[in-house]
């Protein structure tokens, strides 16, 4: 995961060979969801409520919205010539 981040995401270096496989983030995400739930619980104790209760649910809803927008954009531009940049 760290190599992928260092070479392909945060510090992209086009001179390096591309990483052909992508890490699985399932364990890291579950850890983040658990920690977020803990932090939200602590913030609720001091009255802070302006953040989502469930990070996983929020992320899934955001992904679905992005997919919907991307689908609409692809549909709207499907007849554009391929060589338009």
PDB file of N, CA and C in Angstrom:
ATOM      1  N   UNK A   1       0.828  -1.181   0.000  1.00  0.00           N
ATOM      2  CA  UNK A   1       0.000   0.000   0.000  1.00  0.00           C
ATOM      3  C   UNK A   1       0.879   1.253   0.000  1.00  0.00           C
ATOM      4  N   UNK A   2       1.927   1.244   0.827  1.00  0.00           N
ATOM      5  CA  UNK A   2       2.803   2.413   0.908  1.00  0.00           C
ATOM      6  C   UNK A   2       3.522   2.647  -0.421  1.00  0.00           C
ATOM      7  N   UNK A   3       4.009   1.581  -1.043  1.00  0.00           N
ATOM      8  CA  UNK A   3       4.692   1.720  -2.327  1.00  0.00           C
ATOM      9  C   UNK A   3       3.743   2.298  -3.370  1.00  0.00           C
ATOM     10  N   UNK A   4       2.532   1.812  -3.398  1.00  0.00           N
ATOM     11  CA  UNK A   4       1.535   2.338  -4.335  1.00  0.00           C
ATOM     12  C   UNK A   4       1.317   3.831  -4.093  1.00  0.00           C
ATOM     13  N   UNK A   5       1.159   4.192  -2.831  1.00  0.00           N
ATOM     14  CA  UNK A   5       0.963   5.605  -2.497  1.00  0.00           C
ATOM     15  C   UNK A   5       2.160   6.447  -2.918  1.00  0.00           C
ATOM     16  N   UNK A   6       3.347   5.988  -2.562  1.00  0.00           N
ATOM     17  CA  UNK A   6       4.554   6.762  -2.823  1.00  0.00           C
ATOM     18  C   UNK A   6       4.851   6.912  -4.309  1.00  0.00           C
ATOM     19  N   UNK A   7       4.635   5.854  -5.080  1.00  0.00           N
ATOM     20  CA  UNK A   7       5.053   5.884  -6.472  1.00  0.00           C
ATOM     21  C   UNK A   7       3.939   6.247  -7.460  1.00  0.00           C
ATOM     22  N   UNK A   8       2.709   6.066  -7.082  1.00  0.00           N
ATOM     23  CA  UNK A   8       1.642   6.278  -8.055  1.00  0.00           C
ATOM     24  C   UNK A   8       0.626   7.341  -7.663  1.00  0.00           C
ATOM     25  N   UNK A   9       0.572   7.715  -6.414  1.00  0.00           N
ATOM     26  CA  UNK A   9      -0.466   8.649  -5.998  1.00  0.00           C
ATOM     27  C   UNK A   9       0.150   9.949  -5.491  1.00  0.00           C
ATOM     28  N   UNK A  10       0.792   9.896  -4.345  1.00  0.00           N
ATOM     29  CA  UNK A  10       1.278  11.116  -3.701  1.00  0.00           C
ATOM     30  C   UNK A  10       2.527  11.691  -4.360  1.00  0.00           C
ATOM     31  N   UNK A  11       3.373  10.834  -4.872  1.00  0.00           N
ATOM     32  CA  UNK A  11       4.657  11.286  -5.401  1.00  0.00           C
ATOM     33  C   UNK A  11       4.876  10.666  -6.780  1.00  0.00           C
ATOM     34  N   UNK A  12       3.953  10.879  -7.679  1.00  0.00           N
ATOM     35  CA  UNK A  12       4.036  10.236  -8.990  1.00  0.00           C
ATOM     36  C   UNK A  12       5.306  10.637  -9.712  1.00  0.00           C
ATOM     37  N   UNK A  13       6.030   9.643 -10.155  1.00  0.00           N
ATOM     38  CA  UNK A  13       7.260   9.851 -10.909  1.00  0.00           C
ATOM     39  C   UNK A  13       7.110   9.097 -12.234  1.00  0.00           C
ATOM     40  N   UNK A  14       6.878   9.796 -13.340  1.00  0.00           N
ATOM     41  CA  UNK A  14       6.631   9.118 -14.613  1.00  0.00           C
ATOM     42  C   UNK A  14       7.820   8.301 -15.125  1.00  0.00           C
ATOM     43  N   UNK A  15       9.009   8.528 -14.568  1.00  0.00           N
ATOM     44  CA  UNK A  15      10.183   7.754 -14.991  1.00  0.00           C
ATOM     45  C   UNK A  15      10.187   6.349 -14.404  1.00  0.00           C
ATOM     46  N   UNK A  16       9.390   6.123 -13.378  1.00  0.00           N
ATOM     47  CA  UNK A  16       9.337   4.799 -12.754  1.00  0.00           C
ATOM     48  C   UNK A  16       8.391   3.886 -13.521  1.00  0.00           C
ATOM     49  N   UNK A  17       8.622   2.613 -13.380  1.00  0.00           N
ATOM     50  CA  UNK A  17       7.734   1.630 -13.997  1.00  0.00           C
ATOM     51  C   UNK A  17       6.394   1.683 -13.282  1.00  0.00           C
ATOM     52  N   UNK A  18       5.332   1.603 -14.061  1.00  0.00           N
ATOM     53  CA  UNK A  18       4.010   1.633 -13.453  1.00  0.00           C
ATOM     54  C   UNK A  18       3.775   0.418 -12.571  1.00  0.00           C
ATOM     55  N   UNK A  19       3.040   0.623 -11.526  1.00  0.00           N
ATOM     56  CA  UNK A  19       2.621  -0.495 -10.685  1.00  0.00           C
ATOM     57  C   UNK A  19       1.439  -1.139 -11.384  1.00  0.00           C
ATOM     58  N   UNK A  20       1.524  -2.428 -11.630  1.00  0.00           N
ATOM     59  CA  UNK A  20       0.495  -3.116 -12.405  1.00  0.00           C
ATOM     60  C   UNK A  20      -0.605  -3.717 -11.551  1.00  0.00           C
ATOM     61  N   UNK A  21      -0.378  -3.785 -10.283  1.00  0.00           N
ATOM     62  CA  UNK A  21      -1.420  -4.283  -9.387  1.00  0.00           C
ATOM     63  C   UNK A  21      -1.713  -3.198  -8.360  1.00  0.00           C
ATOM     64  N   UNK A  22      -2.912  -3.221  -7.855  1.00  0.00           N
ATOM     65  CA  UNK A  22      -3.327  -2.217  -6.892  1.00  0.00           C
ATOM     66  C   UNK A  22      -3.585  -2.877  -5.555  1.00  0.00           C
ATOM     67  N   UNK A  23      -3.210  -2.211  -4.486  1.00  0.00           N
ATOM     68  CA  UNK A  23      -3.428  -2.808  -3.166  1.00  0.00           C
ATOM     69  C   UNK A  23      -4.908  -2.853  -2.814  1.00  0.00           C
ATOM     70  N   UNK A  24      -5.230  -3.757  -1.939  1.00  0.00           N
ATOM     71  CA  UNK A  24      -6.583  -3.845  -1.407  1.00  0.00           C
ATOM     72  C   UNK A  24      -6.640  -2.972  -0.162  1.00  0.00           C
ATOM     73  N   UNK A  25      -7.604  -2.112  -0.104  1.00  0.00           N
ATOM     74  CA  UNK A  25      -7.715  -1.166   0.999  1.00  0.00           C
ATOM     75  C   UNK A  25      -8.755  -1.576   2.031  1.00  0.00           C
ATOM     76  N   UNK A  26      -9.307  -2.768   1.908  1.00  0.00           N
ATOM     77  CA  UNK A  26     -10.395  -3.198   2.792  1.00  0.00           C
ATOM     78  C   UNK A  26     -10.037  -3.089   4.273  1.00  0.00           C
ATOM     79  N   UNK A  27      -8.890  -3.607   4.665  1.00  0.00           N
ATOM     80  CA  UNK A  27      -8.509  -3.585   6.082  1.00  0.00           C
ATOM     81  C   UNK A  27      -8.267  -2.150   6.553  1.00  0.00           C
ATOM     82  N   UNK A  28      -7.602  -1.354   5.726  1.00  0.00           N
ATOM     83  CA  UNK A  28      -7.348   0.043   6.097  1.00  0.00           C
ATOM     84  C   UNK A  28      -8.662   0.813   6.226  1.00  0.00           C
ATOM     85  N   UNK A  29      -9.595   0.567   5.315  1.00  0.00           N
ATOM     86  CA  UNK A  29     -10.884   1.247   5.397  1.00  0.00           C
ATOM     87  C   UNK A  29     -11.654   0.840   6.643  1.00  0.00           C
ATOM     88  N   UNK A  30     -11.677  -0.446   6.946  1.00  0.00           N
ATOM     89  CA  UNK A  30     -12.385  -0.904   8.155  1.00  0.00           C
ATOM     90  C   UNK A  30     -11.778  -0.270   9.400  1.00  0.00           C
ATOM     91  N   UNK A  31     -10.470  -0.157   9.418  1.00  0.00           N
ATOM     92  CA  UNK A  31      -9.793   0.492  10.534  1.00  0.00           C
ATOM     93  C   UNK A  31     -10.191   1.963  10.617  1.00  0.00           C
ATOM     94  N   UNK A  32     -10.228   2.643   9.483  1.00  0.00           N
ATOM     95  CA  UNK A  32     -10.612   4.058   9.467  1.00  0.00           C
ATOM     96  C   UNK A  32     -12.063   4.236   9.905  1.00  0.00           C
ATOM     97  N   UNK A  33     -12.941   3.339   9.452  1.00  0.00           N
ATOM     98  CA  UNK A  33     -14.349   3.429   9.853  1.00  0.00           C
ATOM     99  C   UNK A  33     -14.492   3.253  11.365  1.00  0.00           C
ATOM    100  N   UNK A  34     -13.755   2.283  11.906  1.00  0.00           N
ATOM    101  CA  UNK A  34     -13.826   2.033  13.352  1.00  0.00           C
ATOM    102  C   UNK A  34     -13.323   3.254  14.115  1.00  0.00           C
ATOM    103  N   UNK A  35     -12.166   3.787  13.713  1.00  0.00           N
ATOM    104  CA  UNK A  35     -11.588   4.932  14.410  1.00  0.00           C
ATOM    105  C   UNK A  35     -12.498   6.153  14.285  1.00  0.00           C
ATOM    106  N   UNK A  36     -13.053   6.364  13.109  1.00  0.00           N
ATOM    107  CA  UNK A  36     -13.969   7.484  12.895  1.00  0.00           C
ATOM    108  C   UNK A  36     -15.162   7.373  13.843  1.00  0.00           C
ATOM    109  N   UNK A  37     -15.733   6.185  13.966  1.00  0.00           N
ATOM    110  CA  UNK A  37     -16.875   5.978  14.866  1.00  0.00           C
ATOM    111  C   UNK A  37     -16.498   6.339  16.305  1.00  0.00           C
ATOM    112  N   UNK A  38     -15.294   5.951  16.708  1.00  0.00           N
ATOM    113  CA  UNK A  38     -14.820   6.281  18.049  1.00  0.00           C
ATOM    114  C   UNK A  38     -14.703   7.798  18.222  1.00  0.00           C
ATOM    115  N   UNK A  39     -14.066   8.459  17.249  1.00  0.00           N
ATOM    116  CA  UNK A  39     -13.861   9.909  17.334  1.00  0.00           C
ATOM    117  C   UNK A  39     -15.201  10.641  17.331  1.00  0.00           C
ATOM    118  N   UNK A  40     -16.129  10.218  16.470  1.00  0.00           N
ATOM    119  CA  UNK A  40     -17.447  10.851  16.427  1.00  0.00           C
ATOM    120  C   UNK A  40     -18.138  10.722  17.780  1.00  0.00           C
ATOM    121  N   UNK A  41     -18.025   9.567  18.404  1.00  0.00           N
ATOM    122  CA  UNK A  41     -18.608   9.383  19.734  1.00  0.00           C
ATOM    123  C   UNK A  41     -18.054  10.372  20.737  1.00  0.00           C
ATOM    124  N   UNK A  42     -16.754  10.591  20.692  1.00  0.00           N
ATOM    125  CA  UNK A  42     -16.128  11.558  21.593  1.00  0.00           C
ATOM    126  C   UNK A  42     -16.579  12.987  21.274  1.00  0.00           C
ATOM    127  N   UNK A  43     -16.679  13.312  19.995  1.00  0.00           N
ATOM    128  CA  UNK A  43     -17.117  14.653  19.606  1.00  0.00           C
ATOM    129  C   UNK A  43     -18.566  14.906  20.004  1.00  0.00           C
ATOM    130  N   UNK A  44     -19.383  13.879  19.932  1.00  0.00           N
ATOM    131  CA  UNK A  44     -20.788  14.018  20.337  1.00  0.00           C
ATOM    132  C   UNK A  44     -20.886  14.367  21.827  1.00  0.00           C
ATOM    133  N   UNK A  45     -19.968  13.857  22.619  1.00  0.00           N
ATOM    134  CA  UNK A  45     -19.970  14.143  24.058  1.00  0.00           C
ATOM    135  C   UNK A  45     -19.762  15.616  24.358  1.00  0.00           C
ATOM    136  N   UNK A  46     -19.084  16.326  23.450  1.00  0.00           N
ATOM    137  CA  UNK A  46     -18.846  17.754  23.677  1.00  0.00           C
ATOM    138  C   UNK A  46     -19.752  18.620  22.802  1.00  0.00           C
ATOM    139  N   UNK A  47     -20.754  17.991  22.179  1.00  0.00           N
ATOM    140  CA  UNK A  47     -21.770  18.739  21.457  1.00  0.00           C
ATOM    141  C   UNK A  47     -21.530  18.989  19.984  1.00  0.00           C
ATOM    142  N   UNK A  48     -20.468  18.440  19.415  1.00  0.00           N
ATOM    143  CA  UNK A  48     -20.215  18.638  17.982  1.00  0.00           C
ATOM    144  C   UNK A  48     -21.017  17.613  17.184  1.00  0.00           C
ATOM    145  N   UNK A  49     -21.862  18.117  16.293  1.00  0.00           N
ATOM    146  CA  UNK A  49     -22.758  17.229  15.555  1.00  0.00           C
ATOM    147  C   UNK A  49     -22.799  17.511  14.057  1.00  0.00           C
ATOM    148  N   UNK A  50     -21.935  18.352  13.541  1.00  0.00           N
ATOM    149  CA  UNK A  50     -22.029  18.737  12.138  1.00  0.00           C
ATOM    150  C   UNK A  50     -21.311  17.781  11.179  1.00  0.00           C
ATOM    151  N   UNK A  51     -20.859  16.663  11.648  1.00  0.00           N
ATOM    152  CA  UNK A  51     -20.175  15.694  10.794  1.00  0.00           C
ATOM    153  C   UNK A  51     -21.037  14.440  10.653  1.00  0.00           C
ATOM    154  N   UNK A  52     -20.854  13.682   9.581  1.00  0.00           N
ATOM    155  CA  UNK A  52     -21.659  12.471   9.394  1.00  0.00           C
ATOM    156  C   UNK A  52     -21.453  11.474  10.540  1.00  0.00           C
ATOM    157  N   UNK A  53     -22.509  10.778  10.890  1.00  0.00           N
ATOM    158  CA  UNK A  53     -22.409   9.751  11.929  1.00  0.00           C
ATOM    159  C   UNK A  53     -21.618   8.537  11.464  1.00  0.00           C
ATOM    160  N   UNK A  54     -21.815   8.140  10.225  1.00  0.00           N
ATOM    161  CA  UNK A  54     -21.241   6.890   9.721  1.00  0.00           C
ATOM    162  C   UNK A  54     -20.415   7.190   8.472  1.00  0.00           C
ATOM    163  N   UNK A  55     -19.112   7.068   8.576  1.00  0.00           N
ATOM    164  CA  UNK A  55     -18.216   7.396   7.474  1.00  0.00           C
ATOM    165  C   UNK A  55     -18.397   6.447   6.291  1.00  0.00           C
ATOM    166  N   UNK A  56     -18.616   5.176   6.557  1.00  0.00           N
ATOM    167  CA  UNK A  56     -18.792   4.209   5.468  1.00  0.00           C
ATOM    168  C   UNK A  56     -20.064   4.527   4.676  1.00  0.00           C
ATOM    169  N   UNK A  57     -21.137   4.797   5.376  1.00  0.00           N
ATOM    170  CA  UNK A  57     -22.401   5.136   4.723  1.00  0.00           C
ATOM    171  C   UNK A  57     -22.257   6.434   3.929  1.00  0.00           C
ATOM    172  N   UNK A  58     -21.609   7.405   4.508  1.00  0.00           N
ATOM    173  CA  UNK A  58     -21.382   8.682   3.833  1.00  0.00           C
ATOM    174  C   UNK A  58     -20.540   8.476   2.561  1.00  0.00           C
ATOM    175  N   UNK A  59     -19.486   7.679   2.678  1.00  0.00           N
ATOM    176  CA  UNK A  59     -18.618   7.404   1.533  1.00  0.00           C
ATOM    177  C   UNK A  59     -19.360   6.675   0.424  1.00  0.00           C
ATOM    178  N   UNK A  60     -20.186   5.708   0.799  1.00  0.00           N
ATOM    179  CA  UNK A  60     -20.958   4.976  -0.207  1.00  0.00           C
ATOM    180  C   UNK A  60     -21.947   5.886  -0.913  1.00  0.00           C
ATOM    181  N   UNK A  61     -22.611   6.764  -0.179  1.00  0.00           N
ATOM    182  CA  UNK A  61     -23.554   7.704  -0.783  1.00  0.00           C
ATOM    183  C   UNK A  61     -22.819   8.668  -1.722  1.00  0.00           C
ATOM    184  N   UNK A  62     -21.642   9.107  -1.317  1.00  0.00           N
ATOM    185  CA  UNK A  62     -20.842  10.005  -2.148  1.00  0.00           C
ATOM    186  C   UNK A  62     -20.412   9.309  -3.437  1.00  0.00           C
ATOM    187  N   UNK A  63     -19.964   8.045  -3.320  1.00  0.00           N
ATOM    188  CA  UNK A  63     -19.565   7.262  -4.493  1.00  0.00           C
ATOM    189  C   UNK A  63     -20.736   7.119  -5.460  1.00  0.00           C
ATOM    190  N   UNK A  64     -21.909   6.794  -4.922  1.00  0.00           N
ATOM    191  CA  UNK A  64     -23.085   6.635  -5.778  1.00  0.00           C
ATOM    192  C   UNK A  64     -23.418   7.940  -6.507  1.00  0.00           C
ATOM    193  N   UNK A  65     -23.316   9.062  -5.814  1.00  0.00           N
ATOM    194  CA  UNK A  65     -23.580  10.359  -6.435  1.00  0.00           C
ATOM    195  C   UNK A  65     -22.550  10.638  -7.527  1.00  0.00           C
ATOM    196  N   UNK A  66     -21.285  10.343  -7.266  1.00  0.00           N
ATOM    197  CA  UNK A  66     -20.242  10.551  -8.276  1.00  0.00           C
ATOM    198  C   UNK A  66     -20.477   9.676  -9.496  1.00  0.00           C
ATOM    199  N   UNK A  67     -20.868   8.427  -9.278  1.00  0.00           N
ATOM    200  CA  UNK A  67     -21.158   7.527 -10.395  1.00  0.00           C
ATOM    201  C   UNK A  67     -22.327   8.055 -11.223  1.00  0.00           C
ATOM    202  N   UNK A  68     -23.339   8.573 -10.554  1.00  0.00           N
ATOM    203  CA  UNK A  68     -24.501   9.124 -11.241  1.00  0.00           C
ATOM    204  C   UNK A  68     -24.104  10.334 -12.095  1.00  0.00           C
ATOM    205  N   UNK A  69     -23.295  11.204 -11.545  1.00  0.00           N
ATOM    206  CA  UNK A  69     -22.833  12.392 -12.268  1.00  0.00           C
ATOM    207  C   UNK A  69     -21.962  11.990 -13.453  1.00  0.00           C
ATOM    208  N   UNK A  70     -21.047  11.048 -13.234  1.00  0.00           N
ATOM    209  CA  UNK A  70     -20.161  10.593 -14.316  1.00  0.00           C
ATOM    210  C   UNK A  70     -20.964   9.938 -15.436  1.00  0.00           C
ATOM    211  N   UNK A  71     -21.968   9.143 -15.075  1.00  0.00           N
ATOM    212  CA  UNK A  71     -22.814   8.496 -16.082  1.00  0.00           C
ATOM    213  C   UNK A  71     -23.547   9.547 -16.903  1.00  0.00           C
ATOM    214  N   UNK A  72     -24.106  10.555 -16.243  1.00  0.00           N
ATOM    215  CA  UNK A  72     -24.808  11.626 -16.951  1.00  0.00           C
ATOM    216  C   UNK A  72     -23.853  12.391 -17.872  1.00  0.00           C
ATOM    217  N   UNK A  73     -22.650  12.649 -17.403  1.00  0.00           N
ATOM    218  CA  UNK A  73     -21.670  13.373 -18.211  1.00  0.00           C
ATOM    219  C   UNK A  73     -21.259  12.551 -19.430  1.00  0.00           C
ATOM    220  N   UNK A  74     -21.058  11.254 -19.246  1.00  0.00           N
ATOM    221  CA  UNK A  74     -20.691  10.388 -20.365  1.00  0.00           C
ATOM    222  C   UNK A  74     -21.820  10.326 -21.386  1.00  0.00           C
ATOM    223  N   UNK A  75     -23.054  10.238 -20.915  1.00  0.00           N
ATOM    224  CA  UNK A  75     -24.207  10.219 -21.816  1.00  0.00           C
ATOM    225  C   UNK A  75     -24.304  11.532 -22.600  1.00  0.00           C
ATOM    226  N   UNK A  76     -24.076  12.640 -21.903  1.00  0.00           N
ATOM    227  CA  UNK A  76     -24.210  13.956 -22.535  1.00  0.00           C
ATOM    228  C   UNK A  76     -23.130  14.215 -23.582  1.00  0.00           C
ATOM    229  N   UNK A  77     -21.996  13.547 -23.467  1.00  0.00           N
ATOM    230  CA  UNK A  77     -20.883  13.812 -24.383  1.00  0.00           C
ATOM    231  C   UNK A  77     -20.579  12.641 -25.319  1.00  0.00           C
ATOM    232  N   UNK A  78     -21.421  11.648 -25.336  1.00  0.00           N
ATOM    233  CA  UNK A  78     -21.125  10.426 -26.106  1.00  0.00           C
ATOM    234  C   UNK A  78     -21.005  10.691 -27.603  1.00  0.00           C
ATOM    235  N   UNK A  79     -21.634  11.726 -28.117  1.00  0.00           N
ATOM    236  CA  UNK A  79     -21.595  12.007 -29.548  1.00  0.00           C
ATOM    237  C   UNK A  79     -20.481  12.997 -29.925  1.00  0.00           C
ATOM    238  N   UNK A  80     -19.710  13.448 -28.950  1.00  0.00           N
ATOM    239  CA  UNK A  80     -18.598  14.351 -29.264  1.00  0.00           C
ATOM    240  C   UNK A  80     -17.523  13.574 -30.030  1.00  0.00           C
ATOM    241  N   UNK A  81     -16.861  14.231 -30.960  1.00  0.00           N
ATOM    242  CA  UNK A  81     -15.754  13.551 -31.661  1.00  0.00           C
ATOM    243  C   UNK A  81     -14.656  13.157 -30.677  1.00  0.00           C
ATOM    244  N   UNK A  82     -14.031  12.039 -30.928  1.00  0.00           N
ATOM    245  CA  UNK A  82     -13.002  11.521 -30.022  1.00  0.00           C
ATOM    246  C   UNK A  82     -11.752  12.407 -29.978  1.00  0.00           C
ATOM    247  N   UNK A  83     -11.497  13.185 -31.028  1.00  0.00           N
ATOM    248  CA  UNK A  83     -10.278  13.980 -31.070  1.00  0.00           C
ATOM    249  C   UNK A  83     -10.431  15.377 -30.471  1.00  0.00           C
ATOM    250  N   UNK A  84     -11.525  15.637 -29.799  1.00  0.00           N
ATOM    251  CA  UNK A  84     -11.715  16.927 -29.130  1.00  0.00           C
ATOM    252  C   UNK A  84     -11.040  16.857 -27.756  1.00  0.00           C
ATOM    253  N   UNK A  85     -10.184  17.815 -27.479  1.00  0.00           N
ATOM    254  CA  UNK A  85      -9.455  17.803 -26.203  1.00  0.00           C
ATOM    255  C   UNK A  85      -9.883  18.934 -25.342  1.00  0.00           C
TER     256      UNK A  85
END
